[in-house]
Structure formats: structure tokens, C-alpha cells
C-alpha atoms as a PDB file:
ATOM      1  CA  MET A   1       3.501  33.881  28.695  1.00  0.00           C
ATOM      2  CA  THR A   2       5.660  30.759  28.892  1.00  0.00           C
ATOM      3  CA  ARG A   3       2.657  28.717  29.968  1.00  0.00           C
ATOM      4  CA  LEU A   4       0.732  29.807  26.850  1.00  0.00           C
ATOM      5  CA  ALA A   5       3.623  28.789  24.591  1.00  0.00           C
ATOM      6  CA  VAL A   6       3.881  25.377  26.253  1.00  0.00           C
ATOM      7  CA  LEU A   7       0.126  24.791  26.004  1.00  0.00           C
ATOM      8  CA  THR A   8       0.140  25.854  22.343  1.00  0.00           C
ATOM      9  CA  ALA A   9       3.018  23.497  21.548  1.00  0.00           C
ATOM     10  CA  ALA A  10       1.264  20.650  23.370  1.00  0.00           C
ATOM     11  CA  ALA A  11      -1.958  21.290  21.447  1.00  0.00           C
ATOM     12  CA  ILE A  12      -0.102  21.284  18.126  1.00  0.00           C
ATOM     13  CA  CYS A  13       1.699  18.041  18.989  1.00  0.00           C
ATOM     14  CA  SER A  14      -1.585  16.421  20.012  1.00  0.00           C
ATOM     15  CA  ALA A  15      -3.262  17.480  16.776  1.00  0.00           C
ATOM     16  CA  VAL A  16      -0.391  16.135  14.668  1.00  0.00           C
ATOM     17  CA  ALA A  17      -0.381  12.852  16.587  1.00  0.00           C
ATOM     18  CA  ALA A  18      -4.147  12.467  16.197  1.00  0.00           C
ATOM     19  CA  TYR A  19      -3.913  13.141  12.459  1.00  0.00           C
ATOM     20  CA  ALA A  20      -1.078  10.622  12.035  1.00  0.00           C
ATOM     21  CA  ALA A  21      -2.981   7.981  13.993  1.00  0.00           C
ATOM     22  CA  ASN A  22      -6.096   8.573  11.916  1.00  0.00           C
ATOM     23  CA  GLU A  23      -4.150   8.206   8.670  1.00  0.00           C
ATOM     24  CA  ALA A  24      -2.426   5.054   9.895  1.00  0.00           C
ATOM     25  CA  LEU A  25      -5.648   3.374  11.017  1.00  0.00           C
ATOM     26  CA  SER A  26      -7.968   4.422   8.203  1.00  0.00           C
ATOM     27  CA  SER A  27      -8.419   2.007   5.338  1.00  0.00           C
ATOM     28  CA  ASP A  28      -9.072   3.307   1.861  1.00  0.00           C
ATOM     29  CA  GLY A  29      -9.946  -0.169   0.640  1.00  0.00           C
ATOM     30  CA  PRO A  30      -7.887  -2.375  -1.619  1.00  0.00           C
ATOM     31  CA  THR A  31      -5.771  -0.720  -4.277  1.00  0.00           C
ATOM     32  CA  VAL A  32      -5.845  -2.203  -7.766  1.00  0.00           C
ATOM     33  CA  ILE A  33      -2.853  -1.731 -10.040  1.00  0.00           C
ATOM     34  CA  GLU A  34      -3.547  -2.354 -13.721  1.00  0.00           C
ATOM     35  CA  ILE A  35      -0.758  -3.324 -16.104  1.00  0.00           C
ATOM     36  CA  GLU A  36      -1.649  -2.480 -19.692  1.00  0.00           C
ATOM     37  CA  VAL A  37      -0.175  -4.882 -22.239  1.00  0.00           C
ATOM     38  CA  ALA A  38      -0.735  -5.623 -25.901  1.00  0.00           C
ATOM     39  CA  PRO A  39      -3.560  -8.116 -26.495  1.00  0.00           C
ATOM     40  CA  ASN A  40      -1.128 -10.785 -27.709  1.00  0.00           C
ATOM     41  CA  GLU A  41       0.895 -10.512 -24.452  1.00  0.00           C
ATOM     42  CA  LEU A  42      -2.093 -10.759 -22.092  1.00  0.00           C
ATOM     43  CA  ALA A  43      -1.783 -14.501 -21.415  1.00  0.00           C
ATOM     44  CA  ALA A  44       1.946 -14.215 -20.639  1.00  0.00           C
ATOM     45  CA  CYS A  45       1.302 -11.297 -18.278  1.00  0.00           C
ATOM     46  CA  LYS A  46      -1.390 -13.209 -16.391  1.00  0.00           C
ATOM     47  CA  ALA A  47       0.859 -16.273 -16.121  1.00  0.00           C
ATOM     48  CA  GLN A  48       3.713 -14.196 -14.723  1.00  0.00           C
ATOM     49  CA  LEU A  49       1.407 -12.478 -12.207  1.00  0.00           C
ATOM     50  CA  LYS A  50       0.164 -15.886 -11.067  1.00  0.00           C
ATOM     51  CA  GLN A  51       3.767 -17.034 -10.576  1.00  0.00           C
ATOM     52  CA  VAL A  52       4.706 -13.891  -8.635  1.00  0.00           C
ATOM     53  CA  GLY A  53       1.516 -14.114  -6.553  1.00  0.00           C
ATOM     54  CA  SER A  54       2.500 -17.547  -5.297  1.00  0.00           C
ATOM     55  CA  MET A  55       5.741 -16.188  -3.830  1.00  0.00           C
ATOM     56  CA  PRO A  56       5.779 -15.091  -0.159  1.00  0.00           C
ATOM     57  CA  ALA A  57       5.763 -11.364   0.582  1.00  0.00           C
ATOM     58  CA  VAL A  58       9.176 -10.055   1.660  1.00  0.00           C
ATOM     59  CA  ALA A  59      10.663  -6.693   2.575  1.00  0.00           C
ATOM     60  CA  ASP A  60      13.327  -4.965   0.485  1.00  0.00           C
ATOM     61  CA  ASP A  61      16.075  -6.688   2.466  1.00  0.00           C
ATOM     62  CA  GLY A  62      14.544 -10.136   1.879  1.00  0.00           C
ATOM     63  CA  THR A  63      13.067 -10.709   5.331  1.00  0.00           C
ATOM     64  CA  PRO A  64       9.504 -12.066   5.404  1.00  0.00           C
ATOM     65  CA  LEU A  65       6.762  -9.549   6.103  1.00  0.00           C
ATOM     66  CA  LEU A  66       5.036 -10.173   9.415  1.00  0.00           C
ATOM     67  CA  PHE A  67       1.398  -9.421   8.713  1.00  0.00           C
ATOM     68  CA  GLY A  68      -1.714 -11.263   7.595  1.00  0.00           C
ATOM     69  CA  GLY A  69      -0.253 -12.329   4.281  1.00  0.00           C
ATOM     70  CA  ASN A  70      -0.715 -10.964   0.814  1.00  0.00           C
ATOM     71  CA  ASP A  71      -4.240  -9.707   1.597  1.00  0.00           C
ATOM     72  CA  ASP A  72      -2.794  -6.370   2.737  1.00  0.00           C
ATOM     73  CA  LEU A  73      -0.913  -5.830  -0.520  1.00  0.00           C
ATOM     74  CA  PRO A  74      -2.434  -4.061  -3.521  1.00  0.00           C
ATOM     75  CA  GLN A  75      -4.085  -6.216  -6.170  1.00  0.00           C
ATOM     76  CA  VAL A  76      -2.447  -6.345  -9.603  1.00  0.00           C
ATOM     77  CA  ARG A  77      -4.144  -7.354 -12.833  1.00  0.00           C
ATOM     78  CA  CYS A  78      -3.266  -7.370 -16.512  1.00  0.00           C
ATOM     79  CA  VAL A  79      -5.547  -5.624 -18.969  1.00  0.00           C
ATOM     80  CA  ALA A  80      -5.353  -5.558 -22.752  1.00  0.00           C
ATOM     81  CA  ASP A  81      -4.517  -2.138 -24.130  1.00  0.00           C
ATOM     82  CA  THR A  82      -6.622  -1.070 -27.093  1.00  0.00           C
ATOM     83  CA  PHE A  83      -4.170   1.196 -28.876  1.00  0.00           C
END
């Protein structure tokens, strides 16, 4: 009976590990975040995004992120809101 419990626990742990690995390695493609602004603020929004995009990617504590650059980050764009 103990052997069955151990094998069941091992199977559950393996399934959870396989699921976590699959989620970590799968790519859903680039994410696009849209910021809706008034039409008269569109140029200012795009200018600010360009300025922020030129900054290096850093973690919350200010240390530089050690990956392939900003390509792994979601894309952000400004769109005019048509109230």
C-alpha cells in the first residue's frame, strides 16, 4: 500500500513538473499593450513611448535584466480613442 502511495505522489509531481516546464517554454507570441489617449494627446504619448523605449530594461530593484534585450518585453503603442 505504501508503494502505491509513493508511486502516485511521484506521478503527480512529474505531471506538475511537465506542465510547469511546458508553460515556461511555450511562447504565445508578442503581447501588444495599447494605451488609449485623446486624439490631441497622441503625439505626446508616442514621443514619451519613444523616450522610454530607448532606456535599458531593468528589474524592479534597478539591476539590468540579463536577457536578449527589449525584444522579450511586450510591445506598447498609443492609439487615439474615439469617444
